[in-house]
All heavy atoms as atom14 arrays in JSON, in Angstrom:
{
  "sequence": "ISWSGDITYYADSVKGRFTISRDNAKNTVYLRMNSLKPEDTAVYYCA",
  "atom14_mask": [
    [1, 1, 1, 1, 1, 1, 1, 1, 0, 0, 0, 0, 0, 0],
    [1, 1, 1, 1, 1, 1, 0, 0, 0, 0, 0, 0, 0, 0],
    [1, 1, 1, 1, 1, 1, 1, 1, 1, 1, 1, 1, 1, 1],
    [1, 1, 1, 1, 1, 1, 0, 0, 0, 0, 0, 0, 0, 0],
    [1, 1, 1, 1, 0, 0, 0, 0, 0, 0, 0, 0, 0, 0],
    [1, 1, 1, 1, 1, 1, 1, 1, 0, 0, 0, 0, 0, 0],
    [1, 1, 1, 1, 1, 1, 1, 1, 0, 0, 0, 0, 0, 0],
    [1, 1, 1, 1, 1, 1, 1, 0, 0, 0, 0, 0, 0, 0],
    [1, 1, 1, 1, 1, 1, 1, 1, 1, 1, 1, 1, 0, 0],
    [1, 1, 1, 1, 1, 1, 1, 1, 1, 1, 1, 1, 0, 0],
    [1, 1, 1, 1, 1, 0, 0, 0, 0, 0, 0, 0, 0, 0],
    [1, 1, 1, 1, 1, 1, 1, 1, 0, 0, 0, 0, 0, 0],
    [1, 1, 1, 1, 1, 1, 0, 0, 0, 0, 0, 0, 0, 0],
    [1, 1, 1, 1, 1, 1, 1, 0, 0, 0, 0, 0, 0, 0],
    [1, 1, 1, 1, 1, 1, 1, 1, 1, 0, 0, 0, 0, 0],
    [1, 1, 1, 1, 0, 0, 0, 0, 0, 0, 0, 0, 0, 0],
    [1, 1, 1, 1, 1, 1, 1, 1, 1, 1, 1, 0, 0, 0],
    [1, 1, 1, 1, 1, 1, 1, 1, 1, 1, 1, 0, 0, 0],
    [1, 1, 1, 1, 1, 1, 1, 0, 0, 0, 0, 0, 0, 0],
    [1, 1, 1, 1, 1, 1, 1, 1, 0, 0, 0, 0, 0, 0],
    [1, 1, 1, 1, 1, 1, 0, 0, 0, 0, 0, 0, 0, 0],
    [1, 1, 1, 1, 1, 1, 1, 1, 1, 1, 1, 0, 0, 0],
    [1, 1, 1, 1, 1, 1, 1, 1, 0, 0, 0, 0, 0, 0],
    [1, 1, 1, 1, 1, 1, 1, 1, 0, 0, 0, 0, 0, 0],
    [1, 1, 1, 1, 1, 0, 0, 0, 0, 0, 0, 0, 0, 0],
    [1, 1, 1, 1, 1, 1, 1, 1, 1, 0, 0, 0, 0, 0],
    [1, 1, 1, 1, 1, 1, 1, 1, 0, 0, 0, 0, 0, 0],
    [1, 1, 1, 1, 1, 1, 1, 0, 0, 0, 0, 0, 0, 0],
    [1, 1, 1, 1, 1, 1, 1, 0, 0, 0, 0, 0, 0, 0],
    [1, 1, 1, 1, 1, 1, 1, 1, 1, 1, 1, 1, 0, 0],
    [1, 1, 1, 1, 1, 1, 1, 1, 0, 0, 0, 0, 0, 0],
    [1, 1, 1, 1, 1, 1, 1, 1, 1, 1, 1, 0, 0, 0],
    [1, 1, 1, 1, 1, 1, 1, 1, 0, 0, 0, 0, 0, 0],
    [1, 1, 1, 1, 1, 1, 1, 1, 0, 0, 0, 0, 0, 0],
    [1, 1, 1, 1, 1, 1, 0, 0, 0, 0, 0, 0, 0, 0],
    [1, 1, 1, 1, 1, 1, 1, 1, 0, 0, 0, 0, 0, 0],
    [1, 1, 1, 1, 1, 1, 1, 1, 1, 0, 0, 0, 0, 0],
    [1, 1, 1, 1, 1, 1, 1, 0, 0, 0, 0, 0, 0, 0],
    [1, 1, 1, 1, 1, 1, 1, 1, 1, 0, 0, 0, 0, 0],
    [1, 1, 1, 1, 1, 1, 1, 1, 0, 0, 0, 0, 0, 0],
    [1, 1, 1, 1, 1, 1, 1, 0, 0, 0, 0, 0, 0, 0],
    [1, 1, 1, 1, 1, 0, 0, 0, 0, 0, 0, 0, 0, 0],
    [1, 1, 1, 1, 1, 1, 1, 0, 0, 0, 0, 0, 0, 0],
    [1, 1, 1, 1, 1, 1, 1, 1, 1, 1, 1, 1, 0, 0],
    [1, 1, 1, 1, 1, 1, 1, 1, 1, 1, 1, 1, 0, 0],
    [1, 1, 1, 1, 1, 1, 0, 0, 0, 0, 0, 0, 0, 0],
    [1, 1, 1, 1, 1, 0, 0, 0, 0, 0, 0, 0, 0, 0]
  ],
  "atom14_positions": [
    [[-13.8, 72.56, -45.78], [-12.61, 72.79, -46.59], [-12.18, 74.24, -46.42], [-13.01, 75.15, -46.37], [-12.88, 72.43, -48.07], [-11.61, 72.5, -48.9], [-13.98, 73.32, -48.65], [-11.77, 71.86, -50.29], [0.0, 0.0, 0.0], [0.0, 0.0, 0.0], [0.0, 0.0, 0.0], [0.0, 0.0, 0.0], [0.0, 0.0, 0.0], [0.0, 0.0, 0.0]],
    [[-10.87, 74.46, -46.33], [-10.34, 75.79, -46.14], [-10.51, 76.62, -47.4], [-10.84, 76.11, -48.48], [-8.87, 75.72, -45.76], [-8.1, 75.15, -46.81], [0.0, 0.0, 0.0], [0.0, 0.0, 0.0], [0.0, 0.0, 0.0], [0.0, 0.0, 0.0], [0.0, 0.0, 0.0], [0.0, 0.0, 0.0], [0.0, 0.0, 0.0], [0.0, 0.0, 0.0]],
    [[-10.26, 77.91, -47.26], [-10.45, 78.82, -48.41], [-9.56, 78.45, -49.58], [-9.94, 78.65, -50.74], [-10.21, 80.26, -47.98], [-8.76, 80.57, -47.67], [-8.14, 80.48, -46.45], [-7.76, 80.99, -48.59], [-6.82, 80.83, -46.55], [-6.56, 81.16, -47.87], [-7.74, 81.26, -49.96], [-5.36, 81.56, -48.46], [-6.56, 81.66, -50.56], [-5.39, 81.81, -49.81]],
    [[-8.36, 77.93, -49.29], [-7.43, 77.56, -50.35], [-7.67, 76.16, -50.88], [-7.14, 75.8, -51.94], [-6.0, 77.66, -49.84], [-5.76, 76.74, -48.79], [0.0, 0.0, 0.0], [0.0, 0.0, 0.0], [0.0, 0.0, 0.0], [0.0, 0.0, 0.0], [0.0, 0.0, 0.0], [0.0, 0.0, 0.0], [0.0, 0.0, 0.0], [0.0, 0.0, 0.0]],
    [[-8.44, 75.36, -50.16], [-8.71, 74.0, -50.57], [-7.68, 72.98, -50.12], [-7.84, 71.79, -50.42], [0.0, 0.0, 0.0], [0.0, 0.0, 0.0], [0.0, 0.0, 0.0], [0.0, 0.0, 0.0], [0.0, 0.0, 0.0], [0.0, 0.0, 0.0], [0.0, 0.0, 0.0], [0.0, 0.0, 0.0], [0.0, 0.0, 0.0], [0.0, 0.0, 0.0]],
    [[-6.64, 73.41, -49.41], [-5.57, 72.48, -49.05], [-5.74, 71.84, -47.68], [-4.92, 71.0, -47.31], [-4.21, 73.18, -49.13], [-4.11, 74.41, -48.26], [-5.11, 74.79, -47.63], [-3.01, 75.0, -48.21], [0.0, 0.0, 0.0], [0.0, 0.0, 0.0], [0.0, 0.0, 0.0], [0.0, 0.0, 0.0], [0.0, 0.0, 0.0], [0.0, 0.0, 0.0]],
    [[-6.79, 72.21, -46.95], [-7.08, 71.6, -45.66], [-8.53, 71.15, -45.66], [-9.42, 71.93, -45.99], [-6.83, 72.57, -44.49], [-5.38, 73.03, -44.48], [-7.19, 71.9, -43.17], [-5.09, 74.09, -43.44], [0.0, 0.0, 0.0], [0.0, 0.0, 0.0], [0.0, 0.0, 0.0], [0.0, 0.0, 0.0], [0.0, 0.0, 0.0], [0.0, 0.0, 0.0]],
    [[-8.76, 69.9, -45.3], [-10.11, 69.36, -45.24], [-10.33, 68.63, -43.92], [-9.39, 68.12, -43.32], [-10.4, 68.4, -46.4], [-9.44, 67.34, -46.39], [-10.32, 69.13, -47.74], [0.0, 0.0, 0.0], [0.0, 0.0, 0.0], [0.0, 0.0, 0.0], [0.0, 0.0, 0.0], [0.0, 0.0, 0.0], [0.0, 0.0, 0.0], [0.0, 0.0, 0.0]],
    [[-11.59, 68.57, -43.49], [-11.99, 67.85, -42.3], [-13.25, 67.05, -42.61], [-14.1, 67.5, -43.38], [-12.27, 68.81, -41.14], [-11.08, 69.64, -40.73], [-10.97, 70.95, -41.16], [-10.1, 69.12, -39.9], [-9.89, 71.73, -40.79], [-9.01, 69.89, -39.52], [-8.91, 71.2, -39.97], [-7.84, 71.96, -39.59], [0.0, 0.0, 0.0], [0.0, 0.0, 0.0]],
    [[-13.37, 65.89, -41.97], [-14.52, 65.03, -42.18], [-15.02, 64.47, -40.86], [-14.24, 64.19, -39.94], [-14.16, 63.85, -43.09], [-13.76, 64.25, -44.48], [-12.42, 64.44, -44.81], [-14.71, 64.44, -45.47], [-12.05, 64.81, -46.09], [-14.35, 64.81, -46.75], [-13.02, 64.99, -47.05], [-12.66, 65.35, -48.33], [0.0, 0.0, 0.0], [0.0, 0.0, 0.0]],
    [[-16.32, 64.32, -40.77], [-16.89, 63.58, -39.67], [-16.46, 62.12, -39.76], [-16.29, 61.58, -40.86], [-18.41, 63.68, -39.68], [0.0, 0.0, 0.0], [0.0, 0.0, 0.0], [0.0, 0.0, 0.0], [0.0, 0.0, 0.0], [0.0, 0.0, 0.0], [0.0, 0.0, 0.0], [0.0, 0.0, 0.0], [0.0, 0.0, 0.0], [0.0, 0.0, 0.0]],
    [[-16.3, 61.48, -38.6], [-15.88, 60.08, -38.6], [-16.85, 59.19, -39.37], [-16.45, 58.21, -39.99], [-15.75, 59.57, -37.16], [-14.55, 60.15, -36.45], [-13.63, 60.65, -37.12], [-14.53, 60.1, -35.2], [0.0, 0.0, 0.0], [0.0, 0.0, 0.0], [0.0, 0.0, 0.0], [0.0, 0.0, 0.0], [0.0, 0.0, 0.0], [0.0, 0.0, 0.0]],
    [[-18.12, 59.55, -39.36], [-19.14, 58.73, -39.99], [-19.04, 58.7, -41.51], [-19.58, 57.8, -42.15], [-20.53, 59.21, -39.58], [-20.73, 60.56, -39.96], [0.0, 0.0, 0.0], [0.0, 0.0, 0.0], [0.0, 0.0, 0.0], [0.0, 0.0, 0.0], [0.0, 0.0, 0.0], [0.0, 0.0, 0.0], [0.0, 0.0, 0.0], [0.0, 0.0, 0.0]],
    [[-18.35, 59.68, -42.1], [-18.25, 59.75, -43.56], [-16.83, 59.63, -44.06], [-16.61, 59.55, -45.28], [-18.88, 61.05, -44.11], [-20.3, 61.21, -43.6], [-18.04, 62.26, -43.75], [0.0, 0.0, 0.0], [0.0, 0.0, 0.0], [0.0, 0.0, 0.0], [0.0, 0.0, 0.0], [0.0, 0.0, 0.0], [0.0, 0.0, 0.0], [0.0, 0.0, 0.0]],
    [[-15.87, 59.6, -43.17], [-14.46, 59.55, -43.55], [-14.18, 58.31, -44.39], [-14.58, 57.2, -44.05], [-13.59, 59.58, -42.3], [-12.13, 59.9, -42.56], [-11.39, 60.12, -41.24], [-11.97, 61.3, -40.47], [-11.24, 61.55, -39.2], [0.0, 0.0, 0.0], [0.0, 0.0, 0.0], [0.0, 0.0, 0.0], [0.0, 0.0, 0.0], [0.0, 0.0, 0.0]],
    [[-13.51, 58.52, -45.5], [-13.21, 57.44, -46.41], [-14.27, 57.2, -47.46], [-14.02, 56.48, -48.43], [0.0, 0.0, 0.0], [0.0, 0.0, 0.0], [0.0, 0.0, 0.0], [0.0, 0.0, 0.0], [0.0, 0.0, 0.0], [0.0, 0.0, 0.0], [0.0, 0.0, 0.0], [0.0, 0.0, 0.0], [0.0, 0.0, 0.0], [0.0, 0.0, 0.0]],
    [[-15.45, 57.79, -47.29], [-16.53, 57.65, -48.25], [-16.87, 58.95, -48.97], [-17.23, 58.93, -50.14], [-17.79, 57.12, -47.57], [-17.61, 55.76, -46.91], [-18.95, 55.2, -46.41], [-19.54, 56.06, -45.39], [-20.74, 56.63, -45.49], [-21.48, 56.44, -46.57], [-21.21, 57.37, -44.49], [0.0, 0.0, 0.0], [0.0, 0.0, 0.0], [0.0, 0.0, 0.0]],
    [[-16.78, 60.07, -48.26], [-17.13, 61.37, -48.82], [-15.86, 62.18, -49.09], [-14.87, 62.06, -48.36], [-18.01, 62.16, -47.85], [-19.4, 61.63, -47.66], [-19.77, 60.38, -48.13], [-20.34, 62.4, -46.99], [-21.06, 59.9, -47.94], [-21.62, 61.92, -46.8], [-21.98, 60.68, -47.27], [0.0, 0.0, 0.0], [0.0, 0.0, 0.0], [0.0, 0.0, 0.0]],
    [[-15.92, 63.02, -50.11], [-14.82, 63.9, -50.44], [-15.35, 65.3, -50.71], [-16.22, 65.48, -51.56], [-14.05, 63.41, -51.67], [-13.56, 62.08, -51.44], [-12.86, 64.32, -51.95], [0.0, 0.0, 0.0], [0.0, 0.0, 0.0], [0.0, 0.0, 0.0], [0.0, 0.0, 0.0], [0.0, 0.0, 0.0], [0.0, 0.0, 0.0], [0.0, 0.0, 0.0]],
    [[-14.82, 66.28, -49.99], [-15.17, 67.67, -50.24], [-14.09, 68.3, -51.1], [-12.9, 68.02, -50.94], [-15.36, 68.45, -48.92], [-15.92, 69.85, -49.18], [-14.07, 68.5, -48.11], [-16.33, 70.59, -47.92], [0.0, 0.0, 0.0], [0.0, 0.0, 0.0], [0.0, 0.0, 0.0], [0.0, 0.0, 0.0], [0.0, 0.0, 0.0], [0.0, 0.0, 0.0]],
    [[-14.5, 69.14, -52.03], [-13.57, 69.84, -52.89], [-14.17, 71.17, -53.3], [-15.37, 71.41, -53.09], [-13.21, 69.0, -54.12], [-14.36, 68.74, -54.91], [0.0, 0.0, 0.0], [0.0, 0.0, 0.0], [0.0, 0.0, 0.0], [0.0, 0.0, 0.0], [0.0, 0.0, 0.0], [0.0, 0.0, 0.0], [0.0, 0.0, 0.0], [0.0, 0.0, 0.0]],
    [[-13.34, 72.03, -53.86], [-13.85, 73.31, -54.32], [-13.11, 73.74, -55.57], [-11.95, 73.4, -55.78], [-13.75, 74.38, -53.23], [-12.32, 74.76, -52.83], [-12.32, 75.62, -51.57], [-13.02, 76.89, -51.78], [-13.42, 77.69, -50.79], [-13.21, 77.33, -49.52], [-14.04, 78.82, -51.07], [0.0, 0.0, 0.0], [0.0, 0.0, 0.0], [0.0, 0.0, 0.0]],
    [[-13.81, 74.5, -56.38], [-13.24, 75.09, -57.58], [-13.53, 76.57, -57.49], [-14.63, 77.02, -57.82], [-13.85, 74.46, -58.83], [-13.19, 74.94, -60.11], [-12.53, 75.99, -60.1], [-13.32, 74.25, -61.14], [0.0, 0.0, 0.0], [0.0, 0.0, 0.0], [0.0, 0.0, 0.0], [0.0, 0.0, 0.0], [0.0, 0.0, 0.0], [0.0, 0.0, 0.0]],
    [[-12.56, 77.32, -57.03], [-12.77, 78.75, -56.81], [-13.01, 79.51, -58.11], [-13.7, 80.53, -58.11], [-11.59, 79.35, -56.05], [-11.54, 78.89, -54.6], [-12.52, 78.39, -54.06], [-10.39, 79.06, -53.96], [0.0, 0.0, 0.0], [0.0, 0.0, 0.0], [0.0, 0.0, 0.0], [0.0, 0.0, 0.0], [0.0, 0.0, 0.0], [0.0, 0.0, 0.0]],
    [[-12.44, 79.02, -59.21], [-12.68, 79.67, -60.49], [-14.14, 79.57, -60.9], [-14.64, 80.43, -61.62], [-11.79, 79.05, -61.56], [0.0, 0.0, 0.0], [0.0, 0.0, 0.0], [0.0, 0.0, 0.0], [0.0, 0.0, 0.0], [0.0, 0.0, 0.0], [0.0, 0.0, 0.0], [0.0, 0.0, 0.0], [0.0, 0.0, 0.0], [0.0, 0.0, 0.0]],
    [[-14.82, 78.52, -60.45], [-16.24, 78.33, -60.75], [-17.14, 78.72, -59.58], [-18.36, 78.56, -59.68], [-16.51, 76.88, -61.13], [-15.81, 76.43, -62.4], [-16.15, 74.99, -62.74], [-15.49, 74.56, -64.04], [-15.81, 73.15, -64.37], [0.0, 0.0, 0.0], [0.0, 0.0, 0.0], [0.0, 0.0, 0.0], [0.0, 0.0, 0.0], [0.0, 0.0, 0.0]],
    [[-16.56, 79.2, -58.49], [-17.32, 79.58, -57.3], [-18.23, 78.45, -56.82], [-19.39, 78.66, -56.48], [-18.15, 80.83, -57.57], [-17.31, 82.04, -57.85], [-16.2, 82.18, -57.33], [-17.82, 82.95, -58.67], [0.0, 0.0, 0.0], [0.0, 0.0, 0.0], [0.0, 0.0, 0.0], [0.0, 0.0, 0.0], [0.0, 0.0, 0.0], [0.0, 0.0, 0.0]],
    [[-17.68, 77.24, -56.79], [-18.47, 76.06, -56.49], [-17.73, 75.14, -55.53], [-16.51, 74.95, -55.65], [-18.8, 75.3, -57.78], [-19.51, 76.16, -58.67], [-19.68, 74.09, -57.48], [0.0, 0.0, 0.0], [0.0, 0.0, 0.0], [0.0, 0.0, 0.0], [0.0, 0.0, 0.0], [0.0, 0.0, 0.0], [0.0, 0.0, 0.0], [0.0, 0.0, 0.0]],
    [[-18.47, 74.59, -54.58], [-17.95, 73.56, -53.69], [-18.74, 72.28, -53.94], [-19.93, 72.33, -54.26], [-18.04, 74.0, -52.21], [-19.48, 74.22, -51.78], [-17.35, 72.98, -51.31], [0.0, 0.0, 0.0], [0.0, 0.0, 0.0], [0.0, 0.0, 0.0], [0.0, 0.0, 0.0], [0.0, 0.0, 0.0], [0.0, 0.0, 0.0], [0.0, 0.0, 0.0]],
    [[-18.06, 71.14, -53.81], [-18.66, 69.86, -54.11], [-18.56, 68.92, -52.92], [-17.68, 69.04, -52.07], [-17.94, 69.19, -55.29], [-17.88, 70.03, -56.53], [-16.76, 70.8, -56.82], [-18.93, 70.05, -57.45], [-16.69, 71.57, -57.96], [-18.87, 70.81, -58.59], [-17.75, 71.57, -58.84], [-17.68, 72.33, -59.99], [0.0, 0.0, 0.0], [0.0, 0.0, 0.0]],
    [[-19.47, 67.97, -52.88], [-19.39, 66.87, -51.94], [-19.66, 65.58, -52.71], [-20.8, 65.32, -53.1], [-20.38, 67.01, -50.79], [-20.27, 65.94, -49.7], [-18.96, 66.1, -48.93], [-21.47, 66.01, -48.76], [0.0, 0.0, 0.0], [0.0, 0.0, 0.0], [0.0, 0.0, 0.0], [0.0, 0.0, 0.0], [0.0, 0.0, 0.0], [0.0, 0.0, 0.0]],
    [[-18.6, 64.82, -52.95], [-18.74, 63.52, -53.58], [-19.03, 62.49, -52.5], [-18.24, 62.35, -51.55], [-17.47, 63.16, -54.34], [-17.37, 61.7, -54.8], [-18.48, 61.32, -55.77], [-18.34, 61.98, -57.04], [-19.17, 61.84, -58.07], [-20.24, 61.06, -57.94], [-18.95, 62.49, -59.2], [0.0, 0.0, 0.0], [0.0, 0.0, 0.0], [0.0, 0.0, 0.0]],
    [[-20.12, 61.77, -52.64], [-20.54, 60.8, -51.66], [-20.55, 59.42, -52.31], [-21.31, 59.18, -53.25], [-21.93, 61.14, -51.12], [-22.02, 62.54, -50.54], [-23.64, 62.9, -49.83], [-24.64, 62.88, -51.32], [0.0, 0.0, 0.0], [0.0, 0.0, 0.0], [0.0, 0.0, 0.0], [0.0, 0.0, 0.0], [0.0, 0.0, 0.0], [0.0, 0.0, 0.0]],
    [[-19.71, 58.54, -51.81], [-19.62, 57.18, -52.29], [-20.08, 56.2, -51.21], [-20.13, 56.54, -50.03], [-18.19, 56.84, -52.7], [-17.7, 57.64, -53.89], [-18.48, 57.99, -54.78], [-16.4, 57.92, -53.92], [0.0, 0.0, 0.0], [0.0, 0.0, 0.0], [0.0, 0.0, 0.0], [0.0, 0.0, 0.0], [0.0, 0.0, 0.0], [0.0, 0.0, 0.0]],
    [[-20.37, 54.99, -51.63], [-20.77, 53.93, -50.7], [-21.85, 54.39, -49.75], [-21.78, 54.21, -48.54], [-19.55, 53.42, -49.92], [-18.54, 52.95, -50.79], [0.0, 0.0, 0.0], [0.0, 0.0, 0.0], [0.0, 0.0, 0.0], [0.0, 0.0, 0.0], [0.0, 0.0, 0.0], [0.0, 0.0, 0.0], [0.0, 0.0, 0.0], [0.0, 0.0, 0.0]],
    [[-22.88, 54.99, -50.3], [-23.94, 55.58, -49.48], [-24.7, 54.52, -48.7], [-24.92, 53.41, -49.18], [-24.89, 56.38, -50.35], [-24.34, 57.75, -50.78], [-25.13, 58.3, -51.95], [-24.38, 58.72, -49.61], [0.0, 0.0, 0.0], [0.0, 0.0, 0.0], [0.0, 0.0, 0.0], [0.0, 0.0, 0.0], [0.0, 0.0, 0.0], [0.0, 0.0, 0.0]],
    [[-25.09, 54.9, -47.49], [-25.83, 54.04, -46.58], [-27.18, 54.67, -46.26], [-27.33, 55.89, -46.34], [-25.04, 53.85, -45.28], [-23.62, 53.34, -45.47], [-22.88, 53.33, -44.14], [-21.46, 52.86, -44.31], [-20.72, 52.88, -43.02], [0.0, 0.0, 0.0], [0.0, 0.0, 0.0], [0.0, 0.0, 0.0], [0.0, 0.0, 0.0], [0.0, 0.0, 0.0]],
    [[-28.17, 53.87, -45.88], [-29.46, 54.45, -45.5], [-29.34, 55.51, -44.41], [-30.11, 56.48, -44.41], [-30.26, 53.24, -45.03], [-29.7, 52.1, -45.81], [-28.24, 52.39, -45.92], [0.0, 0.0, 0.0], [0.0, 0.0, 0.0], [0.0, 0.0, 0.0], [0.0, 0.0, 0.0], [0.0, 0.0, 0.0], [0.0, 0.0, 0.0], [0.0, 0.0, 0.0]],
    [[-28.4, 55.36, -43.5], [-28.23, 56.34, -42.44], [-27.65, 57.67, -42.93], [-27.58, 58.63, -42.16], [-27.36, 55.78, -41.31], [-26.05, 55.16, -41.78], [-26.14, 53.65, -41.93], [-27.15, 53.16, -42.48], [-25.2, 52.96, -41.49], [0.0, 0.0, 0.0], [0.0, 0.0, 0.0], [0.0, 0.0, 0.0], [0.0, 0.0, 0.0], [0.0, 0.0, 0.0]],
    [[-27.24, 57.73, -44.19], [-26.83, 59.0, -44.79], [-28.03, 59.84, -45.23], [-27.84, 60.99, -45.64], [-25.92, 58.76, -45.99], [-24.59, 58.14, -45.61], [-24.01, 58.53, -44.58], [-24.13, 57.25, -46.35], [0.0, 0.0, 0.0], [0.0, 0.0, 0.0], [0.0, 0.0, 0.0], [0.0, 0.0, 0.0], [0.0, 0.0, 0.0], [0.0, 0.0, 0.0]],
    [[-29.21, 59.27, -45.2], [-30.41, 59.99, -45.61], [-30.61, 61.23, -44.75], [-30.68, 61.14, -43.52], [-31.64, 59.08, -45.53], [-31.5, 58.0, -46.46], [-32.91, 59.85, -45.85], [0.0, 0.0, 0.0], [0.0, 0.0, 0.0], [0.0, 0.0, 0.0], [0.0, 0.0, 0.0], [0.0, 0.0, 0.0], [0.0, 0.0, 0.0], [0.0, 0.0, 0.0]],
    [[-30.7, 62.38, -45.39], [-30.85, 63.65, -44.68], [-30.99, 64.77, -45.7], [-30.8, 64.57, -46.9], [-29.63, 63.93, -43.8], [0.0, 0.0, 0.0], [0.0, 0.0, 0.0], [0.0, 0.0, 0.0], [0.0, 0.0, 0.0], [0.0, 0.0, 0.0], [0.0, 0.0, 0.0], [0.0, 0.0, 0.0], [0.0, 0.0, 0.0], [0.0, 0.0, 0.0]],
    [[-31.33, 65.95, -45.2], [-31.2, 67.16, -45.99], [-29.76, 67.65, -45.83], [-29.29, 67.82, -44.7], [-32.19, 68.25, -45.56], [-31.97, 69.53, -46.36], [-33.62, 67.75, -45.74], [0.0, 0.0, 0.0], [0.0, 0.0, 0.0], [0.0, 0.0, 0.0], [0.0, 0.0, 0.0], [0.0, 0.0, 0.0], [0.0, 0.0, 0.0], [0.0, 0.0, 0.0]],
    [[-29.09, 67.87, -46.92], [-27.7, 68.31, -46.9], [-27.63, 69.8, -47.23], [-28.24, 70.27, -48.19], [-26.87, 67.52, -47.92], [-26.52, 66.14, -47.43], [-27.49, 65.15, -47.34], [-25.22, 65.82, -47.04], [-27.19, 63.89, -46.87], [-24.91, 64.56, -46.57], [-25.89, 63.6, -46.49], [-25.57, 62.34, -46.02], [0.0, 0.0, 0.0], [0.0, 0.0, 0.0]],
    [[-26.87, 70.52, -46.41], [-26.72, 71.95, -46.54], [-25.25, 72.31, -46.76], [-24.37, 71.75, -46.11], [-27.18, 72.68, -45.27], [-28.62, 72.46, -44.9], [-28.99, 71.39, -44.1], [-29.6, 73.34, -45.33], [-30.31, 71.19, -43.75], [-30.92, 73.16, -44.97], [-31.27, 72.08, -44.18], [-32.58, 71.9, -43.82], [0.0, 0.0, 0.0], [0.0, 0.0, 0.0]],
    [[-25.0, 73.24, -47.66], [-23.68, 73.84, -47.73], [-23.7, 75.17, -47.01], [-24.75, 75.8, -46.86], [-23.18, 74.0, -49.17], [-24.06, 75.22, -50.17], [0.0, 0.0, 0.0], [0.0, 0.0, 0.0], [0.0, 0.0, 0.0], [0.0, 0.0, 0.0], [0.0, 0.0, 0.0], [0.0, 0.0, 0.0], [0.0, 0.0, 0.0], [0.0, 0.0, 0.0]],
    [[-22.54, 75.59, -46.53], [-22.44, 76.81, -45.74], [-21.07, 77.44, -45.94], [-20.11, 76.76, -46.27], [-22.68, 76.5, -44.26], [0.0, 0.0, 0.0], [0.0, 0.0, 0.0], [0.0, 0.0, 0.0], [0.0, 0.0, 0.0], [0.0, 0.0, 0.0], [0.0, 0.0, 0.0], [0.0, 0.0, 0.0], [0.0, 0.0, 0.0], [0.0, 0.0, 0.0]]
  ]
}
């Protein structure tokens, strides 16, 4: 997600299921993950 939050990109494997968002007032970025699959199992890192 861009610094302003108005541009987002997704991997094809998660498109339509995951949503990235940010709240700059709270200094926080989120990843909402829906319809999770066993192949989503991993360590997730923010950067």
